[in-house]
């Protein structure tokens, strides 16, 4: 629970992606896939500099 609080989790469900992006609440599959794609794009860009 302490780790969840440190990440700012205040509700369930909360999906934490790449250890720093959070999607909260019940989401449909398309929303979660879009979030994963966005995180992948951001993380790819972060490592290419």
PDB file of N, CA and C in Angstrom:
ATOM      1  N   UNK A   1       0.813  -1.192   0.000  1.00  0.00           N
ATOM      2  CA  UNK A   1       0.000   0.000   0.000  1.00  0.00           C
ATOM      3  C   UNK A   1       0.862   1.263   0.000  1.00  0.00           C
ATOM      4  N   UNK A   2       1.960   1.235   0.696  1.00  0.00           N
ATOM      5  CA  UNK A   2       2.825   2.418   0.738  1.00  0.00           C
ATOM      6  C   UNK A   2       3.369   2.727  -0.652  1.00  0.00           C
ATOM      7  N   UNK A   3       3.759   1.701  -1.388  1.00  0.00           N
ATOM      8  CA  UNK A   3       4.273   1.911  -2.749  1.00  0.00           C
ATOM      9  C   UNK A   3       3.200   2.513  -3.639  1.00  0.00           C
ATOM     10  N   UNK A   4       1.974   2.049  -3.487  1.00  0.00           N
ATOM     11  CA  UNK A   4       0.868   2.592  -4.267  1.00  0.00           C
ATOM     12  C   UNK A   4       0.660   4.069  -3.942  1.00  0.00           C
ATOM     13  N   UNK A   5       0.702   4.404  -2.679  1.00  0.00           N
ATOM     14  CA  UNK A   5       0.544   5.810  -2.285  1.00  0.00           C
ATOM     15  C   UNK A   5       1.673   6.673  -2.848  1.00  0.00           C
ATOM     16  N   UNK A   6       2.880   6.143  -2.848  1.00  0.00           N
ATOM     17  CA  UNK A   6       4.015   6.890  -3.393  1.00  0.00           C
ATOM     18  C   UNK A   6       3.821   7.193  -4.869  1.00  0.00           C
ATOM     19  N   UNK A   7       3.146   6.283  -5.586  1.00  0.00           N
ATOM     20  CA  UNK A   7       2.877   6.491  -6.998  1.00  0.00           C
ATOM     21  C   UNK A   7       1.664   7.382  -7.228  1.00  0.00           C
ATOM     22  N   UNK A   8       0.961   7.737  -6.164  1.00  0.00           N
ATOM     23  CA  UNK A   8      -0.198   8.596  -6.280  1.00  0.00           C
ATOM     24  C   UNK A   8      -1.500   7.859  -6.532  1.00  0.00           C
ATOM     25  N   UNK A   9      -1.514   6.551  -6.286  1.00  0.00           N
ATOM     26  CA  UNK A   9      -2.725   5.769  -6.487  1.00  0.00           C
ATOM     27  C   UNK A   9      -3.731   6.114  -5.394  1.00  0.00           C
ATOM     28  N   UNK A  10      -4.900   6.559  -5.818  1.00  0.00           N
ATOM     29  CA  UNK A  10      -5.948   6.926  -4.864  1.00  0.00           C
ATOM     30  C   UNK A  10      -7.247   6.175  -5.112  1.00  0.00           C
ATOM     31  N   UNK A  11      -7.311   5.409  -6.194  1.00  0.00           N
ATOM     32  CA  UNK A  11      -8.526   4.648  -6.484  1.00  0.00           C
ATOM     33  C   UNK A  11      -8.160   3.347  -7.179  1.00  0.00           C
ATOM     34  N   UNK A  12      -9.122   2.449  -7.195  1.00  0.00           N
ATOM     35  CA  UNK A  12      -8.911   1.176  -7.874  1.00  0.00           C
ATOM     36  C   UNK A  12     -10.016   0.973  -8.892  1.00  0.00           C
ATOM     37  N   UNK A  13      -9.779   0.326 -10.006  1.00  0.00           N
ATOM     38  CA  UNK A  13      -8.440  -0.122 -10.385  1.00  0.00           C
ATOM     39  C   UNK A  13      -7.575   1.035 -10.884  1.00  0.00           C
ATOM     40  N   UNK A  14      -6.294   0.892 -10.704  1.00  0.00           N
ATOM     41  CA  UNK A  14      -5.305   1.806 -11.271  1.00  0.00           C
ATOM     42  C   UNK A  14      -4.237   0.975 -11.963  1.00  0.00           C
ATOM     43  N   UNK A  15      -3.990   1.271 -13.210  1.00  0.00           N
ATOM     44  CA  UNK A  15      -2.954   0.580 -13.970  1.00  0.00           C
ATOM     45  C   UNK A  15      -1.760   1.513 -14.067  1.00  0.00           C
ATOM     46  N   UNK A  16      -0.604   1.083 -13.581  1.00  0.00           N
ATOM     47  CA  UNK A  16       0.611   1.888 -13.643  1.00  0.00           C
ATOM     48  C   UNK A  16       1.467   1.327 -14.767  1.00  0.00           C
ATOM     49  N   UNK A  17       1.768   2.185 -15.727  1.00  0.00           N
ATOM     50  CA  UNK A  17       2.521   1.786 -16.910  1.00  0.00           C
ATOM     51  C   UNK A  17       3.909   2.395 -16.872  1.00  0.00           C
ATOM     52  N   UNK A  18       4.912   1.579 -17.117  1.00  0.00           N
ATOM     53  CA  UNK A  18       6.311   2.016 -17.124  1.00  0.00           C
ATOM     54  C   UNK A  18       6.706   2.672 -15.808  1.00  0.00           C
ATOM     55  N   UNK A  19       6.016   2.337 -14.736  1.00  0.00           N
ATOM     56  CA  UNK A  19       6.369   2.821 -13.423  1.00  0.00           C
ATOM     57  C   UNK A  19       6.053   4.280 -13.153  1.00  0.00           C
ATOM     58  N   UNK A  20       5.433   4.986 -14.134  1.00  0.00           N
ATOM     59  CA  UNK A  20       5.190   6.405 -13.911  1.00  0.00           C
ATOM     60  C   UNK A  20       3.936   6.967 -14.548  1.00  0.00           C
ATOM     61  N   UNK A  21       3.278   6.217 -15.393  1.00  0.00           N
ATOM     62  CA  UNK A  21       2.032   6.668 -16.013  1.00  0.00           C
ATOM     63  C   UNK A  21       0.886   5.868 -15.414  1.00  0.00           C
ATOM     64  N   UNK A  22      -0.212   6.529 -15.095  1.00  0.00           N
ATOM     65  CA  UNK A  22      -1.330   5.836 -14.463  1.00  0.00           C
ATOM     66  C   UNK A  22      -2.606   6.024 -15.258  1.00  0.00           C
ATOM     67  N   UNK A  23      -3.353   4.931 -15.359  1.00  0.00           N
ATOM     68  CA  UNK A  23      -4.698   4.962 -15.925  1.00  0.00           C
ATOM     69  C   UNK A  23      -5.605   4.505 -14.791  1.00  0.00           C
ATOM     70  N   UNK A  24      -6.532   5.368 -14.395  1.00  0.00           N
ATOM     71  CA  UNK A  24      -7.379   5.038 -13.256  1.00  0.00           C
ATOM     72  C   UNK A  24      -8.789   4.690 -13.697  1.00  0.00           C
ATOM     73  N   UNK A  25      -9.422   3.896 -12.881  1.00  0.00           N
ATOM     74  CA  UNK A  25     -10.804   3.515 -13.123  1.00  0.00           C
ATOM     75  C   UNK A  25     -10.927   2.380 -14.113  1.00  0.00           C
ATOM     76  N   UNK A  26     -12.137   1.841 -14.186  1.00  0.00           N
ATOM     77  CA  UNK A  26     -12.422   0.760 -15.126  1.00  0.00           C
ATOM     78  C   UNK A  26     -12.419   1.344 -16.538  1.00  0.00           C
ATOM     79  N   UNK A  27     -11.569   0.831 -17.385  1.00  0.00           N
ATOM     80  CA  UNK A  27     -11.437   1.310 -18.760  1.00  0.00           C
ATOM     81  C   UNK A  27     -11.713   0.162 -19.726  1.00  0.00           C
ATOM     82  N   UNK A  28     -12.205   0.515 -20.900  1.00  0.00           N
ATOM     83  CA  UNK A  28     -12.396  -0.535 -21.901  1.00  0.00           C
ATOM     84  C   UNK A  28     -11.057  -0.869 -22.544  1.00  0.00           C
ATOM     85  N   UNK A  29     -11.038  -1.966 -23.265  1.00  0.00           N
ATOM     86  CA  UNK A  29      -9.794  -2.468 -23.862  1.00  0.00           C
ATOM     87  C   UNK A  29      -9.165  -1.440 -24.798  1.00  0.00           C
ATOM     88  N   UNK A  30      -9.971  -0.740 -25.585  1.00  0.00           N
ATOM     89  CA  UNK A  30      -9.433   0.241 -26.529  1.00  0.00           C
ATOM     90  C   UNK A  30      -8.720   1.381 -25.812  1.00  0.00           C
ATOM     91  N   UNK A  31      -9.251   1.812 -24.691  1.00  0.00           N
ATOM     92  CA  UNK A  31      -8.618   2.884 -23.919  1.00  0.00           C
ATOM     93  C   UNK A  31      -7.278   2.425 -23.357  1.00  0.00           C
ATOM     94  N   UNK A  32      -7.245   1.208 -22.838  1.00  0.00           N
ATOM     95  CA  UNK A  32      -5.982   0.688 -22.295  1.00  0.00           C
ATOM     96  C   UNK A  32      -4.952   0.490 -23.402  1.00  0.00           C
ATOM     97  N   UNK A  33      -5.383  -0.003 -24.561  1.00  0.00           N
ATOM     98  CA  UNK A  33      -4.455  -0.156 -25.686  1.00  0.00           C
ATOM     99  C   UNK A  33      -3.910   1.193 -26.142  1.00  0.00           C
ATOM    100  N   UNK A  34      -4.760   2.203 -26.172  1.00  0.00           N
ATOM    101  CA  UNK A  34      -4.313   3.547 -26.543  1.00  0.00           C
ATOM    102  C   UNK A  34      -3.306   4.089 -25.522  1.00  0.00           C
ATOM    103  N   UNK A  35      -3.563   3.840 -24.257  1.00  0.00           N
ATOM    104  CA  UNK A  35      -2.635   4.285 -23.214  1.00  0.00           C
ATOM    105  C   UNK A  35      -1.291   3.579 -23.354  1.00  0.00           C
ATOM    106  N   UNK A  36      -1.328   2.277 -23.612  1.00  0.00           N
ATOM    107  CA  UNK A  36      -0.081   1.532 -23.806  1.00  0.00           C
ATOM    108  C   UNK A  36       0.691   2.065 -25.008  1.00  0.00           C
ATOM    109  N   UNK A  37       0.007   2.355 -26.092  1.00  0.00           N
ATOM    110  CA  UNK A  37       0.663   2.893 -27.285  1.00  0.00           C
ATOM    111  C   UNK A  37       1.283   4.251 -26.992  1.00  0.00           C
ATOM    112  N   UNK A  38       0.569   5.093 -26.248  1.00  0.00           N
ATOM    113  CA  UNK A  38       1.089   6.414 -25.893  1.00  0.00           C
ATOM    114  C   UNK A  38       2.339   6.301 -25.025  1.00  0.00           C
ATOM    115  N   UNK A  39       2.302   5.421 -24.042  1.00  0.00           N
ATOM    116  CA  UNK A  39       3.471   5.221 -23.175  1.00  0.00           C
ATOM    117  C   UNK A  39       4.640   4.682 -23.990  1.00  0.00           C
ATOM    118  N   UNK A  40       4.371   3.743 -24.871  1.00  0.00           N
ATOM    119  CA  UNK A  40       5.443   3.192 -25.716  1.00  0.00           C
ATOM    120  C   UNK A  40       6.090   4.301 -26.543  1.00  0.00           C
ATOM    121  N   UNK A  41       5.271   5.178 -27.120  1.00  0.00           N
ATOM    122  CA  UNK A  41       5.794   6.283 -27.917  1.00  0.00           C
ATOM    123  C   UNK A  41       6.621   7.235 -27.057  1.00  0.00           C
ATOM    124  N   UNK A  42       6.112   7.599 -25.898  1.00  0.00           N
ATOM    125  CA  UNK A  42       6.839   8.514 -25.013  1.00  0.00           C
ATOM    126  C   UNK A  42       8.151   7.904 -24.534  1.00  0.00           C
ATOM    127  N   UNK A  43       8.109   6.627 -24.155  1.00  0.00           N
ATOM    128  CA  UNK A  43       9.304   5.972 -23.638  1.00  0.00           C
ATOM    129  C   UNK A  43      10.341   5.760 -24.750  1.00  0.00           C
ATOM    130  N   UNK A  44       9.896   5.480 -25.948  1.00  0.00           N
ATOM    131  CA  UNK A  44      10.819   5.316 -27.070  1.00  0.00           C
ATOM    132  C   UNK A  44      11.536   6.625 -27.357  1.00  0.00           C
ATOM    133  N   UNK A  45      10.781   7.720 -27.325  1.00  0.00           N
ATOM    134  CA  UNK A  45      11.358   9.038 -27.546  1.00  0.00           C
ATOM    135  C   UNK A  45      12.311   9.441 -26.453  1.00  0.00           C
ATOM    136  N   UNK A  46      12.001   9.045 -25.222  1.00  0.00           N
ATOM    137  CA  UNK A  46      12.839   9.404 -24.082  1.00  0.00           C
ATOM    138  C   UNK A  46      14.202   8.745 -24.151  1.00  0.00           C
ATOM    139  N   UNK A  47      14.265   7.555 -24.735  1.00  0.00           N
ATOM    140  CA  UNK A  47      15.525   6.816 -24.764  1.00  0.00           C
ATOM    141  C   UNK A  47      16.350   7.116 -26.015  1.00  0.00           C
ATOM    142  N   UNK A  48      15.789   7.820 -26.984  1.00  0.00           N
ATOM    143  CA  UNK A  48      16.519   8.051 -28.227  1.00  0.00           C
ATOM    144  C   UNK A  48      17.344   9.346 -28.211  1.00  0.00           C
ATOM    145  N   UNK A  49      17.278  10.117 -27.140  1.00  0.00           N
ATOM    146  CA  UNK A  49      18.017  11.390 -27.069  1.00  0.00           C
ATOM    147  C   UNK A  49      19.442  11.167 -26.695  1.00  0.00           C
TER     148      UNK A  49
END
